[in-house]
Amino acid sequence: MKYIGRKVEGKEYKERKTAYALITDTDGNIAIILERGNIYNMLGGEIEDDEEAKETLIRETKEEIGYELKNIKYLESMGCYHYLDFLDKYELAIMDFYSADIGEKVCEPIEKDVKLVWAKPEDAVNKMYFEYHRYFLEKYLENNKEIER
């Protein structure tokens, strides 16, 4: 697995396992979410208890935007050492990235301050809050290829 970020010696890192989806539309735009009016992230989040990563994606997508996912396919895993200033903690994020398509709307979102946004890939990269989302999307742009479905 590839690791990015800089590990600060002498700091204790809490491991957090997550799963995220790269979702594109027919025009090549990427689905991202806007949280609390100023934080952009990829769809997905923390893997809970005994969940599988795909289950996390399905649950998080329903919670965040109220839609189902279909055609979920594994892309890669990556680790990132980083510091969360708003929580004052060091974290090792272990991420599984998938491609997926948005399906039907199945419920109202549980998370109230989250909005689905479609962005051009280069705009999505620049908006991402987390370094690992920027890195993953930059790599996607560099490869300049369609994600096989």
C-alpha atoms as a PDB file:
ATOM      1  CA  MET A   1       0.000   0.000   0.000  1.00  0.00           C
ATOM      2  CA  LYS A   2       1.224   3.496  -0.809  1.00  0.00           C
ATOM      3  CA  TYR A   3       1.557   6.017   2.051  1.00  0.00           C
ATOM      4  CA  ILE A   4       1.553   9.767   1.643  1.00  0.00           C
ATOM      5  CA  GLY A   5       1.921  12.650   4.061  1.00  0.00           C
ATOM      6  CA  ARG A   6       4.679  13.253   6.545  1.00  0.00           C
ATOM      7  CA  LYS A   7       4.821  11.227   9.726  1.00  0.00           C
ATOM      8  CA  VAL A   8       6.002  13.375  12.603  1.00  0.00           C
ATOM      9  CA  GLU A   9       8.348  11.390  14.830  1.00  0.00           C
ATOM     10  CA  GLY A  10       7.276  11.141  18.459  1.00  0.00           C
ATOM     11  CA  LYS A  11       3.579  11.700  17.727  1.00  0.00           C
ATOM     12  CA  GLU A  12       0.931   9.064  18.273  1.00  0.00           C
ATOM     13  CA  TYR A  13      -1.290   8.461  15.247  1.00  0.00           C
ATOM     14  CA  LYS A  14      -4.829   7.128  15.571  1.00  0.00           C
ATOM     15  CA  GLU A  15      -5.703   4.811  12.689  1.00  0.00           C
ATOM     16  CA  ARG A  16      -8.971   5.549  10.887  1.00  0.00           C
ATOM     17  CA  LYS A  17     -10.241   3.193   8.145  1.00  0.00           C
ATOM     18  CA  THR A  18     -12.343   4.787   5.421  1.00  0.00           C
ATOM     19  CA  ALA A  19     -13.862   4.158   1.999  1.00  0.00           C
ATOM     20  CA  TYR A  20     -14.493   6.722  -0.756  1.00  0.00           C
ATOM     21  CA  ALA A  21     -16.164   6.658  -4.153  1.00  0.00           C
ATOM     22  CA  LEU A  22     -15.031   8.253  -7.394  1.00  0.00           C
ATOM     23  CA  ILE A  23     -18.277   8.961  -9.209  1.00  0.00           C
ATOM     24  CA  THR A  24     -18.320  10.585 -12.635  1.00  0.00           C
ATOM     25  CA  ASP A  25     -21.207  11.662 -14.833  1.00  0.00           C
ATOM     26  CA  THR A  26     -21.449  11.391 -18.627  1.00  0.00           C
ATOM     27  CA  ASP A  27     -19.717  14.779 -19.003  1.00  0.00           C
ATOM     28  CA  GLY A  28     -16.719  13.679 -16.906  1.00  0.00           C
ATOM     29  CA  ASN A  29     -17.682  15.731 -13.833  1.00  0.00           C
ATOM     30  CA  ILE A  30     -16.930  14.284 -10.400  1.00  0.00           C
ATOM     31  CA  ALA A  31     -19.449  13.991  -7.570  1.00  0.00           C
ATOM     32  CA  ILE A  32     -18.177  15.667  -4.406  1.00  0.00           C
ATOM     33  CA  ILE A  33     -19.921  16.858  -1.288  1.00  0.00           C
ATOM     34  CA  LEU A  34     -19.965  20.275   0.332  1.00  0.00           C
ATOM     35  CA  GLU A  35     -20.189  20.049   4.122  1.00  0.00           C
ATOM     36  CA  ARG A  36     -20.991  22.849   6.564  1.00  0.00           C
ATOM     37  CA  GLY A  37     -20.930  25.326   3.685  1.00  0.00           C
ATOM     38  CA  ASN A  38     -17.143  25.377   3.212  1.00  0.00           C
ATOM     39  CA  ILE A  39     -15.577  21.886   3.281  1.00  0.00           C
ATOM     40  CA  TYR A  40     -15.408  19.745   0.132  1.00  0.00           C
ATOM     41  CA  ASN A  41     -14.849  15.985   0.313  1.00  0.00           C
ATOM     42  CA  MET A  42     -15.338  12.861  -1.736  1.00  0.00           C
ATOM     43  CA  LEU A  43     -18.427  10.751  -1.004  1.00  0.00           C
ATOM     44  CA  GLY A  44     -17.732   8.186   1.685  1.00  0.00           C
ATOM     45  CA  GLY A  45     -16.379   8.069   5.190  1.00  0.00           C
ATOM     46  CA  GLU A  46     -15.322   5.986   8.150  1.00  0.00           C
ATOM     47  CA  ILE A  47     -15.785   2.229   8.175  1.00  0.00           C
ATOM     48  CA  GLU A  48     -17.827   1.317  11.261  1.00  0.00           C
ATOM     49  CA  ASP A  49     -17.484  -1.827  13.375  1.00  0.00           C
ATOM     50  CA  ASP A  50     -17.565  -4.936  11.180  1.00  0.00           C
ATOM     51  CA  GLU A  51     -18.615  -3.195   7.952  1.00  0.00           C
ATOM     52  CA  GLU A  52     -16.982  -4.007   4.645  1.00  0.00           C
ATOM     53  CA  ALA A  53     -15.740  -1.006   2.682  1.00  0.00           C
ATOM     54  CA  LYS A  54     -18.500  -1.346   0.048  1.00  0.00           C
ATOM     55  CA  GLU A  55     -21.113  -1.384   2.821  1.00  0.00           C
ATOM     56  CA  THR A  56     -19.609   1.839   4.148  1.00  0.00           C
ATOM     57  CA  LEU A  57     -19.913   3.499   0.746  1.00  0.00           C
ATOM     58  CA  ILE A  58     -23.551   2.463   0.439  1.00  0.00           C
ATOM     59  CA  ARG A  59     -24.387   3.662   3.967  1.00  0.00           C
ATOM     60  CA  GLU A  60     -22.461   6.927   3.715  1.00  0.00           C
ATOM     61  CA  THR A  61     -23.997   7.803   0.345  1.00  0.00           C
ATOM     62  CA  LYS A  62     -27.499   7.319   1.744  1.00  0.00           C
ATOM     63  CA  GLU A  63     -26.648   9.341   4.862  1.00  0.00           C
ATOM     64  CA  GLU A  64     -24.945  12.164   2.945  1.00  0.00           C
ATOM     65  CA  ILE A  65     -27.098  12.574  -0.165  1.00  0.00           C
ATOM     66  CA  GLY A  66     -29.937   9.995   0.010  1.00  0.00           C
ATOM     67  CA  TYR A  67     -28.938   8.008  -3.091  1.00  0.00           C
ATOM     68  CA  GLU A  68     -27.957   4.401  -3.693  1.00  0.00           C
ATOM     69  CA  LEU A  69     -24.736   3.384  -5.427  1.00  0.00           C
ATOM     70  CA  LYS A  70     -24.376   0.823  -8.180  1.00  0.00           C
ATOM     71  CA  ASN A  71     -21.499  -0.710 -10.163  1.00  0.00           C
ATOM     72  CA  ILE A  72     -19.105  -0.369  -7.219  1.00  0.00           C
ATOM     73  CA  LYS A  73     -15.577  -1.439  -8.193  1.00  0.00           C
ATOM     74  CA  TYR A  74     -12.382  -1.393  -6.152  1.00  0.00           C
ATOM     75  CA  LEU A  75      -9.625   0.933  -7.440  1.00  0.00           C
ATOM     76  CA  GLU A  76      -6.861   1.106  -4.834  1.00  0.00           C
ATOM     77  CA  SER A  77      -5.889   1.508  -1.179  1.00  0.00           C
ATOM     78  CA  MET A  78      -3.720   4.239   0.299  1.00  0.00           C
ATOM     79  CA  GLY A  79      -2.560   5.479   3.698  1.00  0.00           C
ATOM     80  CA  CYS A  80      -2.026   9.105   4.714  1.00  0.00           C
ATOM     81  CA  TYR A  81      -0.323  10.522   7.779  1.00  0.00           C
ATOM     82  CA  HIS A  82      -1.823  13.894   8.661  1.00  0.00           C
ATOM     83  CA  TYR A  83      -2.690  16.297  11.439  1.00  0.00           C
ATOM     84  CA  LEU A  84      -6.313  17.344  12.005  1.00  0.00           C
ATOM     85  CA  ASP A  85      -6.052  20.872  13.345  1.00  0.00           C
ATOM     86  CA  PHE A  86      -9.769  21.170  14.114  1.00  0.00           C
ATOM     87  CA  LEU A  87      -9.548  18.058  16.339  1.00  0.00           C
ATOM     88  CA  ASP A  88      -5.940  18.619  17.486  1.00  0.00           C
ATOM     89  CA  LYS A  89      -4.942  15.028  16.706  1.00  0.00           C
ATOM     90  CA  TYR A  90      -2.645  13.067  14.435  1.00  0.00           C
ATOM     91  CA  GLU A  91      -4.261  10.462  12.236  1.00  0.00           C
ATOM     92  CA  LEU A  92      -3.264   7.680   9.883  1.00  0.00           C
ATOM     93  CA  ALA A  93      -6.116   7.460   7.393  1.00  0.00           C
ATOM     94  CA  ILE A  94      -6.285   4.068   5.672  1.00  0.00           C
ATOM     95  CA  MET A  95      -8.484   4.467   2.602  1.00  0.00           C
ATOM     96  CA  ASP A  96     -10.066   2.175   0.059  1.00  0.00           C
ATOM     97  CA  PHE A  97     -11.059   3.982  -3.135  1.00  0.00           C
ATOM     98  CA  TYR A  98     -13.774   2.708  -5.474  1.00  0.00           C
ATOM     99  CA  SER A  99     -15.479   3.806  -8.657  1.00  0.00           C
ATOM    100  CA  ALA A 100     -19.277   3.780  -8.646  1.00  0.00           C
ATOM    101  CA  ASP A 101     -22.378   5.155 -10.315  1.00  0.00           C
ATOM    102  CA  ILE A 102     -25.134   7.037  -8.550  1.00  0.00           C
ATOM    103  CA  GLY A 103     -28.402   5.137  -8.633  1.00  0.00           C
ATOM    104  CA  GLU A 104     -31.881   6.159  -7.568  1.00  0.00           C
ATOM    105  CA  LYS A 105     -32.772   8.475  -4.716  1.00  0.00           C
ATOM    106  CA  VAL A 106     -33.925   6.170  -1.915  1.00  0.00           C
ATOM    107  CA  CYS A 107     -34.345   8.464   1.105  1.00  0.00           C
ATOM    108  CA  GLU A 108     -33.833  11.928   2.468  1.00  0.00           C
ATOM    109  CA  PRO A 109     -30.256  12.515   3.626  1.00  0.00           C
ATOM    110  CA  ILE A 110     -29.634  12.024   7.343  1.00  0.00           C
ATOM    111  CA  GLU A 111     -26.764  14.516   7.375  1.00  0.00           C
ATOM    112  CA  LYS A 112     -28.497  17.857   7.000  1.00  0.00           C
ATOM    113  CA  ASP A 113     -25.623  20.180   6.142  1.00  0.00           C
ATOM    114  CA  VAL A 114     -24.288  18.177   3.180  1.00  0.00           C
ATOM    115  CA  LYS A 115     -24.856  19.036  -0.477  1.00  0.00           C
ATOM    116  CA  LEU A 116     -23.995  17.058  -3.625  1.00  0.00           C
ATOM    117  CA  VAL A 117     -21.886  19.088  -6.077  1.00  0.00           C
ATOM    118  CA  TRP A 118     -20.755  18.072  -9.575  1.00  0.00           C
ATOM    119  CA  ALA A 119     -17.377  19.583 -10.474  1.00  0.00           C
ATOM    120  CA  LYS A 120     -14.883  19.378 -13.301  1.00  0.00           C
ATOM    121  CA  PRO A 121     -12.057  17.081 -12.123  1.00  0.00           C
ATOM    122  CA  GLU A 122      -9.459  19.890 -11.951  1.00  0.00           C
ATOM    123  CA  ASP A 123     -11.883  22.069  -9.945  1.00  0.00           C
ATOM    124  CA  ALA A 124     -12.669  19.161  -7.616  1.00  0.00           C
ATOM    125  CA  VAL A 125      -8.947  18.695  -6.898  1.00  0.00           C
ATOM    126  CA  ASN A 126      -8.555  22.336  -5.891  1.00  0.00           C
ATOM    127  CA  LYS A 127     -11.613  22.268  -3.630  1.00  0.00           C
ATOM    128  CA  MET A 128     -10.739  19.154  -1.596  1.00  0.00           C
ATOM    129  CA  TYR A 129     -10.184  19.708   2.118  1.00  0.00           C
ATOM    130  CA  PHE A 130      -8.090  16.594   2.736  1.00  0.00           C
ATOM    131  CA  GLU A 131      -4.645  16.065   1.246  1.00  0.00           C
ATOM    132  CA  TYR A 132      -5.433  12.440   0.426  1.00  0.00           C
ATOM    133  CA  HIS A 133      -8.499  13.388  -1.632  1.00  0.00           C
ATOM    134  CA  ARG A 134      -6.425  15.940  -3.566  1.00  0.00           C
ATOM    135  CA  TYR A 135      -3.679  13.368  -4.118  1.00  0.00           C
ATOM    136  CA  PHE A 136      -6.093  10.680  -5.344  1.00  0.00           C
ATOM    137  CA  LEU A 137      -7.894  13.046  -7.736  1.00  0.00           C
ATOM    138  CA  GLU A 138      -4.605  14.468  -9.044  1.00  0.00           C
ATOM    139  CA  LYS A 139      -3.466  10.923  -9.776  1.00  0.00           C
ATOM    140  CA  TYR A 140      -6.780  10.303 -11.559  1.00  0.00           C
ATOM    141  CA  LEU A 141      -6.196  13.404 -13.716  1.00  0.00           C
ATOM    142  CA  GLU A 142      -2.575  12.459 -14.456  1.00  0.00           C
ATOM    143  CA  ASN A 143      -3.638   9.040 -15.677  1.00  0.00           C
ATOM    144  CA  ASN A 144      -6.123  10.823 -17.940  1.00  0.00           C
ATOM    145  CA  LYS A 145      -8.071   7.669 -18.517  1.00  0.00           C
ATOM    146  CA  GLU A 146     -11.615   6.567 -17.981  1.00  0.00           C
ATOM    147  CA  ILE A 147     -12.285   4.444 -14.923  1.00  0.00           C
ATOM    148  CA  GLU A 148     -13.338   1.053 -16.257  1.00  0.00           C
ATOM    149  CA  ARG A 149     -16.814   0.102 -15.165  1.00  0.00           C
END
